[in-house]
């Protein structure tokens, strides 16, 4: 990119600026054509009615010239923002060499593999292997479950309420969202759900200050009870921070007790880092913040840094019992994603991006904390690193404020902030900035969110 081109982008992509009704006329035209021609399963344009023209850094622009701060970032895949110039150069250079390589070794794949292993905590680097899956996190979840079943010879899987692991058949089966899988008959059998350490929804209705991690005790007793009804499972799968479940970080004691239990009973522990991996929580993987070592790590989304699809599982060598071709995928050799991913790791180290995640996370925590004190509709603010949620609930009866959350999302968009809603009943405003987002952009985005909540919760009254 020339200096003149960079300067022009800096002039456009520095502040949110919405001058038209949403959707504007050009966006409305494409949205209408999409509704006619694309699957009814499409989601984001229904609540974020814009058609995107171009993007740069933490900003995107629609076809009508409106500029938005993007705190959705491709559902977390754009770890270094839109079109990072160094990643664009790495991809462009690779494009002229090789784009698709199946599972043949290539320089790009070797560099990517080395980069990923180098980011693991030192005790894990020498004993973990990589398996390249199809291009999505859901396929990697399928691969992880399959690997553990083959390695252990067992069939059951333990998952947690509120968890989300994808939309493929097996990934959907180990996800908690009943609405998603209810229409699909004969799902994968042998899945058992246990309470997650979501203190706001303690299954025993205990106050947080009286909690003794009863959710972990419940799991322990069930698995050790000869009359508990559950055979020793092939795996336990969990998210360290439940993303789609509403941005719920697990309690440290819960995570460590689950790890201790699975190690004692020789049950492989799968940690799903599809949303949290690649630096989202301030360490390369979220499990590092909890001081544990999983047996299998599932990673995808942010690995390329620029939104190119790639998915892997990293697993303990003792589980490497695959037969050749046991889990394959035509598009597991995405050389463009490999080139970008290796370059992204280099940039993240050089620019102390993980340090920025931690600093901006503290900034967001400070900006969001007063919301619950000032507005009775804000039930809780919670998060880790640059993965945050603001949960809304009706103060009159405590019920999830789904409609209020949708109004907040629309009001934020009108002010120039793109963000998603999630969690149970879609009542959580989700914040997923690029990992290299600046303090000024975070400050502007938090102000927009606060103003949108104030406006919409007054309407909800």
Protein backbone atom coordinates (compact mmCIF):
# COMPACT_ATOMS: atom_id res chain seq x y z
CA UNK A 1 0.00 0.00 0.00
CA UNK A 2 1.39 3.40 -0.99
CA UNK A 3 1.70 6.27 1.48
CA UNK A 4 -1.04 8.15 -0.37
CA UNK A 5 -3.39 5.13 -0.19
CA UNK A 6 -2.67 4.67 3.51
CA UNK A 7 -3.31 8.36 4.19
CA UNK A 8 -6.63 8.20 2.34
CA UNK A 9 -7.72 5.21 4.41
CA UNK A 10 -6.65 6.92 7.63
CA UNK A 11 -8.84 9.89 6.73
CA UNK A 12 -11.90 7.68 6.23
CA UNK A 13 -11.44 4.99 8.86
CA UNK A 14 -10.79 7.03 11.99
CA UNK A 15 -14.23 7.84 13.41
CA UNK A 16 -17.73 6.39 13.07
CA UNK A 17 -19.93 8.47 10.79
CA UNK A 18 -23.54 7.57 9.92
CA UNK A 19 -25.27 10.07 7.63
CA UNK A 20 -28.15 8.04 6.19
CA UNK A 21 -31.05 6.00 7.41
CA UNK A 22 -30.19 2.34 7.94
CA UNK A 23 -30.25 0.60 5.68
CA UNK A 24 -29.32 3.24 3.15
CA UNK A 25 -30.68 2.87 -0.40
CA UNK A 26 -27.69 0.99 -1.85
CA UNK A 27 -27.47 -1.34 1.12
CA UNK A 28 -31.23 -1.90 0.99
CA UNK A 29 -30.96 -2.98 -2.64
CA UNK A 30 -28.38 -5.68 -1.88
CA UNK A 31 -30.20 -6.80 1.26
CA UNK A 32 -33.38 -7.28 -0.77
CA UNK A 33 -31.53 -9.32 -3.42
CA UNK A 34 -29.91 -11.40 -0.69
CA UNK A 35 -33.29 -12.17 0.88
CA UNK A 36 -34.55 -13.54 -2.44
CA UNK A 37 -31.48 -15.53 -3.44
CA UNK A 38 -29.77 -16.72 -0.23
CA UNK A 39 -30.66 -19.28 2.40
CA UNK A 40 -33.12 -18.44 5.14
CA UNK A 41 -30.37 -19.48 7.60
CA UNK A 42 -28.52 -16.17 7.15
CA UNK A 43 -28.26 -14.28 10.44
CA UNK A 44 -26.18 -11.12 10.79
CA UNK A 45 -27.86 -8.90 8.15
CA UNK A 46 -31.24 -9.41 9.80
CA UNK A 47 -30.24 -7.33 12.82
CA UNK A 48 -27.37 -5.39 11.27
CA UNK A 49 -28.97 -4.17 8.03
CA UNK A 50 -25.93 -2.95 6.09
CA UNK A 51 -24.13 -4.08 2.95
CA UNK A 52 -20.37 -3.77 3.41
CA UNK A 53 -18.28 -2.01 0.77
CA UNK A 54 -14.79 -1.97 2.32
CA UNK A 55 -13.01 -2.00 5.65
CA UNK A 56 -9.72 -1.15 7.31
CA UNK A 57 -8.42 -1.74 10.81
CA UNK A 58 -11.22 -1.43 13.37
CA UNK A 59 -13.65 0.17 10.90
CA UNK A 60 -15.91 -0.84 8.04
CA UNK A 61 -17.93 1.19 5.55
CA UNK A 62 -21.24 0.34 3.93
CA UNK A 63 -22.31 0.96 0.34
CA UNK A 64 -23.97 4.22 1.35
CA UNK A 65 -20.75 5.71 2.75
CA UNK A 66 -21.52 5.20 6.44
CA UNK A 67 -18.51 4.27 8.57
CA UNK A 68 -18.79 2.02 11.63
CA UNK A 69 -16.53 0.79 14.40
CA UNK A 70 -16.51 -2.97 13.94
CA UNK A 71 -16.70 -4.76 17.29
CA UNK A 72 -17.97 -7.95 15.66
CA UNK A 73 -14.80 -8.49 13.56
CA UNK A 74 -16.14 -11.39 11.54
CA UNK A 75 -17.32 -13.15 14.73
CA UNK A 76 -13.80 -12.85 16.09
CA UNK A 77 -11.75 -14.00 13.09
CA UNK A 78 -10.12 -10.63 12.35
CA UNK A 79 -7.65 -10.64 15.21
CA UNK A 80 -5.56 -7.85 13.66
CA UNK A 81 -8.51 -5.99 12.16
CA UNK A 82 -9.54 -5.62 8.57
CA UNK A 83 -6.89 -5.81 5.84
CA UNK A 84 -3.78 -5.46 7.97
CA UNK A 85 -1.22 -4.33 5.35
CA UNK A 86 1.48 -6.80 6.39
CA UNK A 87 -0.95 -9.71 6.32
CA UNK A 88 -2.23 -8.58 2.93
CA UNK A 89 1.35 -8.62 1.64
CA UNK A 90 1.96 -12.10 3.07
CA UNK A 91 -1.21 -13.44 1.45
CA UNK A 92 -0.47 -11.73 -1.87
CA UNK A 93 3.02 -13.20 -2.00
CA UNK A 94 1.72 -16.68 -1.21
CA UNK A 95 -1.05 -16.34 -3.79
CA UNK A 96 1.56 -16.36 -6.55
CA UNK A 97 3.22 -19.52 -5.21
CA UNK A 98 0.62 -22.03 -4.00
CA UNK A 99 -2.92 -21.71 -2.69
CA UNK A 100 -4.04 -25.27 -1.99
CA UNK A 101 -1.84 -28.10 -0.81
CA UNK A 102 -4.03 -30.79 0.78
CA UNK A 103 -1.83 -32.21 3.56
CA UNK A 104 1.45 -32.11 1.65
CA UNK A 105 4.24 -30.39 3.56
CA UNK A 106 4.97 -26.89 2.27
CA UNK A 107 7.12 -24.00 3.54
CA UNK A 108 3.97 -22.03 4.40
CA UNK A 109 2.46 -24.90 6.36
CA UNK A 110 5.74 -25.63 8.13
CA UNK A 111 6.09 -21.98 9.17
CA UNK A 112 2.49 -21.91 10.40
CA UNK A 113 2.99 -25.12 12.40
CA UNK A 114 6.16 -23.81 13.97
CA UNK A 115 4.45 -20.52 14.85
CA UNK A 116 1.49 -22.26 16.51
CA UNK A 117 3.61 -24.66 18.54
CA UNK A 118 5.91 -21.82 19.60
CA UNK A 119 2.97 -19.99 21.16
CA UNK A 120 2.13 -22.87 23.49
CA UNK A 121 3.35 -22.79 27.09
CA UNK A 122 6.76 -24.42 27.27
CA UNK A 123 5.69 -27.69 28.95
CA UNK A 124 3.26 -28.37 26.07
CA UNK A 125 5.40 -27.47 23.06
CA UNK A 126 7.27 -30.76 22.78
CA UNK A 127 4.39 -33.11 23.49
CA UNK A 128 1.60 -31.63 21.35
CA UNK A 129 0.88 -32.53 17.73
CA UNK A 130 -1.28 -30.69 15.19
CA UNK A 131 -4.05 -32.10 13.07
CA UNK A 132 -5.31 -29.89 10.26
CA UNK A 133 -9.08 -30.18 9.90
CA UNK A 134 -11.61 -28.79 7.50
CA UNK A 135 -11.79 -25.00 7.55
CA UNK A 136 -14.25 -24.48 10.43
CA UNK A 137 -14.20 -24.73 14.18
CA UNK A 138 -17.15 -27.12 14.07
CA UNK A 139 -15.15 -29.59 12.00
CA UNK A 140 -12.28 -29.31 14.47
CA UNK A 141 -14.68 -30.10 17.33
CA UNK A 142 -15.83 -33.18 15.40
CA UNK A 143 -12.20 -34.19 14.95
CA UNK A 144 -11.41 -33.75 18.64
CA UNK A 145 -14.38 -35.86 19.75
CA UNK A 146 -13.55 -38.54 17.18
CA UNK A 147 -9.90 -38.63 18.24
CA UNK A 148 -10.80 -39.12 21.90
CA UNK A 149 -13.31 -41.85 21.12
CA UNK A 150 -10.74 -43.76 19.06
CA UNK A 151 -7.95 -43.26 21.60
CA UNK A 152 -10.00 -44.36 24.61
CA UNK A 153 -12.31 -46.89 23.03
CA UNK A 154 -15.19 -45.21 24.86
CA UNK A 155 -18.28 -43.51 23.47
CA UNK A 156 -19.84 -41.01 25.89
CA UNK A 157 -18.97 -37.30 26.07
CA UNK A 158 -19.46 -34.82 28.91
CA UNK A 159 -20.39 -31.26 27.91
CA UNK A 160 -21.62 -28.23 29.83
CA UNK A 161 -24.88 -26.33 29.90
CA UNK A 162 -24.64 -23.02 28.06
CA UNK A 163 -21.76 -24.19 25.87
CA UNK A 164 -21.65 -23.74 22.11
CA UNK A 165 -19.30 -25.72 19.88
CA UNK A 166 -20.64 -25.29 16.34
CA UNK A 167 -23.36 -26.33 13.91
CA UNK A 168 -22.03 -29.60 12.51
CA UNK A 169 -23.76 -32.78 13.67
CA UNK A 170 -21.36 -33.71 16.48
CA UNK A 171 -20.58 -30.11 17.47
CA UNK A 172 -24.28 -29.34 17.72
CA UNK A 173 -24.81 -32.45 19.86
CA UNK A 174 -22.32 -31.23 22.48
CA UNK A 175 -23.76 -27.69 22.44
CA UNK A 176 -26.32 -26.60 25.00
CA UNK A 177 -28.63 -24.63 22.71
CA UNK A 178 -31.75 -26.78 22.48
CA UNK A 179 -33.44 -24.59 19.86
CA UNK A 180 -30.65 -25.26 17.37
CA UNK A 181 -30.71 -29.04 17.58
CA UNK A 182 -34.39 -29.70 18.35
CA UNK A 183 -35.38 -29.90 14.64
CA UNK A 184 -32.60 -32.42 13.86
CA UNK A 185 -33.65 -35.94 14.81
CA UNK A 186 -31.25 -38.68 15.91
CA UNK A 187 -28.40 -36.50 17.10
CA UNK A 188 -25.12 -37.97 18.28
CA UNK A 189 -25.94 -40.17 21.30
CA UNK A 190 -24.08 -40.47 24.57
CA UNK A 191 -23.76 -36.75 25.41
CA UNK A 192 -24.36 -35.77 29.05
CA UNK A 193 -24.71 -32.13 30.11
CA UNK A 194 -23.57 -30.79 33.46
CA UNK A 195 -23.83 -27.31 35.06
CA UNK A 196 -21.16 -24.79 34.11
CA UNK A 197 -19.75 -22.33 36.61
CA UNK A 198 -22.11 -19.53 35.63
CA UNK A 199 -22.62 -17.91 39.02
CA UNK A 200 -25.40 -15.66 37.74
CA UNK A 201 -27.39 -18.86 37.07
CA UNK A 202 -26.18 -21.15 39.85
CA UNK A 203 -28.19 -24.39 39.57
CA UNK A 204 -28.54 -24.40 43.37
CA UNK A 205 -29.43 -20.70 43.53
CA UNK A 206 -26.51 -19.99 45.82
CA UNK A 207 -25.14 -16.50 46.27
CA UNK A 208 -21.69 -16.10 44.66
CA UNK A 209 -20.07 -15.47 48.05
CA UNK A 210 -21.35 -18.81 49.36
CA UNK A 211 -20.33 -20.82 46.29
CA UNK A 212 -18.03 -23.76 46.89
CA UNK A 213 -17.96 -24.69 43.19
CA UNK A 214 -20.82 -27.12 43.65
CA UNK A 215 -20.99 -27.56 39.86
CA UNK A 216 -17.58 -29.24 39.94
CA UNK A 217 -18.60 -31.34 42.95
CA UNK A 218 -21.73 -32.49 41.10
CA UNK A 219 -19.65 -33.63 38.11
CA UNK A 220 -17.14 -35.39 40.36
CA UNK A 221 -19.80 -37.32 42.26
CA UNK A 222 -21.60 -38.34 39.08
CA UNK A 223 -18.46 -39.72 37.44
CA UNK A 224 -17.21 -41.50 40.55
CA UNK A 225 -20.57 -42.95 41.57
CA UNK A 226 -20.91 -46.60 40.53
CA UNK A 227 -24.66 -45.98 40.38
CA UNK A 228 -24.37 -42.56 38.73
CA UNK A 229 -25.64 -43.86 35.40
CA UNK A 230 -22.75 -42.54 33.27
CA UNK A 231 -20.04 -44.79 31.94
CA UNK A 232 -16.50 -43.43 31.96
CA UNK A 233 -16.59 -41.00 29.02
CA UNK A 234 -14.28 -40.64 26.05
CA UNK A 235 -13.86 -36.93 26.73
CA UNK A 236 -14.97 -33.86 28.62
CA UNK A 237 -15.33 -30.80 26.40
CA UNK A 238 -15.60 -27.23 27.70
CA UNK A 239 -15.03 -23.59 26.87
CA UNK A 240 -12.90 -21.61 29.31
CA UNK A 241 -15.08 -18.61 28.44
CA UNK A 242 -18.48 -19.46 27.05
CA UNK A 243 -18.81 -17.16 24.04
CA UNK A 244 -22.20 -17.71 22.40
CA UNK A 245 -23.44 -18.64 25.86
CA UNK A 246 -23.16 -14.98 26.85
CA UNK A 247 -19.45 -14.32 27.52
CA UNK A 248 -19.23 -16.26 30.76
CA UNK A 249 -15.69 -16.79 32.08
CA UNK A 250 -15.43 -19.94 34.17
CA UNK A 251 -14.36 -19.68 37.79
CA UNK A 252 -10.71 -20.61 38.20
CA UNK A 253 -11.49 -23.22 40.84
CA UNK A 254 -14.03 -24.87 38.55
CA UNK A 255 -11.59 -25.20 35.66
CA UNK A 256 -8.82 -26.58 37.85
CA UNK A 257 -11.10 -29.08 39.55
CA UNK A 258 -12.41 -30.33 36.20
CA UNK A 259 -8.82 -30.73 35.02
CA UNK A 260 -7.82 -32.58 38.20
CA UNK A 261 -10.85 -34.87 37.94
CA UNK A 262 -10.31 -35.74 34.29
CA UNK A 263 -6.63 -36.42 34.91
CA UNK A 264 -7.43 -38.64 37.91
CA UNK A 265 -9.95 -40.68 35.89
CA UNK A 266 -7.83 -40.66 32.69
CA UNK A 267 -10.48 -38.80 30.69
CA UNK A 268 -9.11 -36.59 27.88
CA UNK A 269 -10.02 -32.94 28.45
CA UNK A 270 -10.90 -31.03 25.28
CA UNK A 271 -10.73 -27.25 25.62
CA UNK A 272 -12.63 -25.44 22.87
CA UNK A 273 -10.62 -22.30 22.09
CA UNK A 274 -12.33 -21.49 18.79
CA UNK A 275 -13.43 -18.08 20.12
CA UNK A 276 -10.85 -17.53 22.84
CA UNK A 277 -7.73 -18.76 21.01
CA UNK A 278 -5.23 -16.61 19.14
CA UNK A 279 -4.85 -14.08 21.95
CA UNK A 280 -8.45 -13.01 22.56
CA UNK A 281 -8.17 -13.23 26.37
CA UNK A 282 -4.67 -11.75 26.71
CA UNK A 283 -2.79 -15.05 26.51
CA UNK A 284 -2.50 -17.08 23.32
CA UNK A 285 -5.00 -19.57 24.73
CA UNK A 286 -7.42 -18.90 27.56
CA UNK A 287 -6.44 -22.06 29.44
CA UNK A 288 -3.07 -20.43 30.18
CA UNK A 289 -4.80 -17.89 32.40
CA UNK A 290 -6.18 -20.75 34.51
CA UNK A 291 -2.92 -22.63 34.95
CA UNK A 292 -4.04 -25.92 33.38
CA UNK A 293 -2.80 -28.14 30.55
CA UNK A 294 -5.55 -29.68 28.35
CA UNK A 295 -5.18 -32.93 26.44
CA UNK A 296 -6.77 -31.49 23.29
CA UNK A 297 -7.13 -27.87 22.17
CA UNK A 298 -9.55 -26.86 19.41
CA UNK A 299 -8.59 -23.69 17.53
CA UNK A 300 -9.85 -21.89 14.44
CA UNK A 301 -11.34 -18.40 13.91
CA UNK A 302 -8.39 -16.03 14.63
CA UNK A 303 -5.52 -18.29 13.56
CA UNK A 304 -4.94 -16.55 10.21
CA UNK A 305 -5.35 -13.06 11.68
CA UNK A 306 -7.16 -11.86 8.57
CA UNK A 307 -10.24 -14.07 8.33
CA UNK A 308 -8.93 -16.79 6.02
CA UNK A 309 -10.32 -20.17 7.12
CA UNK A 310 -8.11 -22.61 8.98
CA UNK A 311 -8.87 -25.01 11.84
CA UNK A 312 -6.64 -27.29 13.89
CA UNK A 313 -6.62 -29.48 16.93
CA UNK A 314 -3.51 -29.66 19.08
CA UNK A 315 -3.34 -32.80 21.16
CA UNK A 316 -1.09 -34.83 23.42
CA UNK A 317 1.06 -37.28 21.46
CA UNK A 318 -0.23 -40.20 23.50
CA UNK A 319 -3.61 -39.72 21.76
CA UNK A 320 -2.13 -39.96 18.25
CA UNK A 321 -3.85 -43.17 17.24
CA UNK A 322 -5.27 -41.97 13.91
CA UNK A 323 -5.15 -44.34 10.96
CA UNK A 324 -4.21 -42.60 7.68
CA UNK A 325 -7.31 -40.81 6.39
CA UNK A 326 -9.17 -41.15 9.71
CA UNK A 327 -10.24 -37.50 9.60
CA UNK A 328 -9.67 -35.57 6.41
CA UNK A 329 -11.00 -32.52 4.58
CA UNK A 330 -10.25 -31.26 1.09
CA UNK A 331 -9.67 -27.69 2.27
CA UNK A 332 -7.35 -28.47 5.16
CA UNK A 333 -4.36 -27.21 3.18
CA UNK A 334 -5.18 -23.49 2.89
CA UNK A 335 -1.75 -22.06 2.10
CA UNK A 336 -3.01 -18.46 2.17
CA UNK A 337 -4.25 -18.90 5.74
CA UNK A 338 -0.95 -20.54 6.71
CA UNK A 339 1.10 -17.65 5.31
CA UNK A 340 -1.09 -15.07 7.03
CA UNK A 341 -1.14 -17.01 10.31
CA UNK A 342 2.64 -17.27 10.57
CA UNK A 343 2.96 -13.56 9.81
CA UNK A 344 0.24 -12.74 12.35
CA UNK A 345 2.21 -14.48 15.11
CA UNK A 346 5.30 -12.48 14.18
CA UNK A 347 3.35 -9.21 14.34
CA UNK A 348 1.63 -10.14 17.60
CA UNK A 349 5.00 -10.73 19.22
CA UNK A 350 6.68 -7.67 17.71
CA UNK A 351 3.88 -5.26 18.61
CA UNK A 352 3.08 -6.74 22.05
CA UNK A 353 -0.49 -7.31 20.90
CA UNK A 354 -1.23 -9.57 23.87
CA UNK A 355 -0.18 -6.75 26.18
CA UNK A 356 -2.56 -4.47 24.32
CA UNK A 357 -5.36 -7.01 24.82
CA UNK A 358 -4.80 -6.96 28.56
CA UNK A 359 -4.59 -3.14 28.74
CA UNK A 360 -7.66 -2.59 26.57
CA UNK A 361 -9.49 -5.26 28.56
CA UNK A 362 -8.83 -3.30 31.74
CA UNK A 363 -10.01 -0.16 29.97
CA UNK A 364 -13.27 -1.83 28.91
CA UNK A 365 -13.79 -3.23 32.40
CA UNK A 366 -13.45 0.27 33.82
CA UNK A 367 -15.84 1.77 31.28
CA UNK A 368 -18.49 -0.92 31.63
CA UNK A 369 -18.50 -1.29 35.41
CA UNK A 370 -20.55 1.89 36.05
CA UNK A 371 -23.31 0.71 33.69
CA UNK A 372 -24.74 -1.74 36.22
CA UNK A 373 -24.60 0.91 38.95
CA UNK A 374 -26.39 3.55 36.88
CA UNK A 375 -28.94 1.51 34.98
CA UNK A 376 -31.20 -1.14 36.55
CA UNK A 377 -31.56 -2.87 33.17
CA UNK A 378 -27.87 -3.87 33.20
CA UNK A 379 -27.74 -7.13 35.12
CA UNK A 380 -24.01 -7.81 34.78
CA UNK A 381 -20.89 -6.86 32.84
CA UNK A 382 -18.28 -9.59 32.47
CA UNK A 383 -15.40 -10.66 30.30
CA UNK A 384 -11.74 -11.40 29.88
CA UNK A 385 -9.21 -9.62 27.68
CA UNK A 386 -11.10 -8.36 24.63
CA UNK A 387 -14.12 -10.62 24.97
CA UNK A 388 -16.89 -8.86 26.90
CA UNK A 389 -20.60 -9.04 27.46
CA UNK A 390 -23.22 -6.74 28.96
CA UNK A 391 -26.28 -8.71 30.08
CA UNK A 392 -29.64 -6.93 30.13
CA UNK A 393 -32.58 -8.00 32.28
CA UNK A 394 -35.95 -6.43 33.07
CA UNK A 395 -35.62 -4.92 36.57
CA UNK A 396 -39.30 -5.49 37.22
CA UNK A 397 -39.16 -9.30 37.10
CA UNK A 398 -35.52 -10.19 36.33
CA UNK A 399 -36.42 -11.81 33.00
CA UNK A 400 -33.93 -11.61 30.10
CA UNK A 401 -34.43 -8.34 28.22
CA UNK A 402 -34.26 -9.74 24.70
CA UNK A 403 -36.18 -6.95 22.98
CA UNK A 404 -34.24 -4.27 24.85
CA UNK A 405 -30.98 -5.86 23.70
CA UNK A 406 -32.14 -5.77 20.10
CA UNK A 407 -33.05 -2.12 20.46
CA UNK A 408 -29.63 -1.40 21.97
CA UNK A 409 -27.95 -3.17 19.05
CA UNK A 410 -29.94 -1.10 16.54
CA UNK A 411 -29.30 2.15 18.43
CA UNK A 412 -25.57 1.42 18.58
CA UNK A 413 -25.54 0.77 14.84
CA UNK A 414 -27.24 4.10 14.17
CA UNK A 415 -24.45 5.74 16.19
CA UNK A 416 -21.76 3.86 14.26
CA UNK A 417 -20.99 0.72 16.27
CA UNK A 418 -21.38 -2.83 14.94
CA UNK A 419 -21.82 -5.41 17.69
CA UNK A 420 -23.64 -8.69 18.17
CA UNK A 421 -26.12 -9.92 20.74
CA UNK A 422 -25.84 -13.42 22.23
CA UNK A 423 -26.22 -15.44 25.37
CA UNK A 424 -29.36 -17.06 26.69
CA UNK A 425 -32.40 -15.42 25.11
CA UNK A 426 -30.08 -13.09 23.13
CA UNK A 427 -29.95 -10.58 25.97
CA UNK A 428 -26.16 -10.04 26.10
CA UNK A 429 -24.43 -7.26 24.15
CA UNK A 430 -21.18 -8.81 22.94
CA UNK A 431 -17.90 -6.93 22.44
CA UNK A 432 -15.21 -8.49 20.18
CA UNK A 433 -12.78 -5.79 19.01
CA UNK A 434 -9.63 -6.44 17.00
CA UNK A 435 -6.78 -7.36 19.33
CA UNK A 436 -4.75 -4.34 18.19
CA UNK A 437 -7.61 -1.88 18.76
CA UNK A 438 -6.53 1.51 20.11
CA UNK A 439 -7.55 3.12 23.38
CA UNK A 440 -9.33 5.93 21.51
CA UNK A 441 -11.48 3.52 19.51
CA UNK A 442 -12.36 1.55 22.64
CA UNK A 443 -13.33 4.76 24.41
CA UNK A 444 -15.57 5.87 21.54
CA UNK A 445 -17.22 2.45 21.27
CA UNK A 446 -17.91 2.23 25.00
CA UNK A 447 -19.48 5.69 24.95
CA UNK A 448 -21.73 4.67 22.05
CA UNK A 449 -22.80 1.52 23.88
CA UNK A 450 -23.51 3.40 27.09
CA UNK A 451 -25.60 5.99 25.23
CA UNK A 452 -27.50 3.28 23.35
CA UNK A 453 -28.32 1.44 26.58
CA UNK A 454 -29.50 4.63 28.24
CA UNK A 455 -31.74 5.47 25.29
CA UNK A 456 -33.25 2.03 24.84
CA UNK A 457 -33.74 1.18 28.47
CA UNK A 458 -35.72 4.38 28.91
CA UNK A 459 -37.89 3.22 26.01
CA UNK A 460 -38.22 -0.20 27.65
CA UNK A 461 -39.51 1.40 30.86
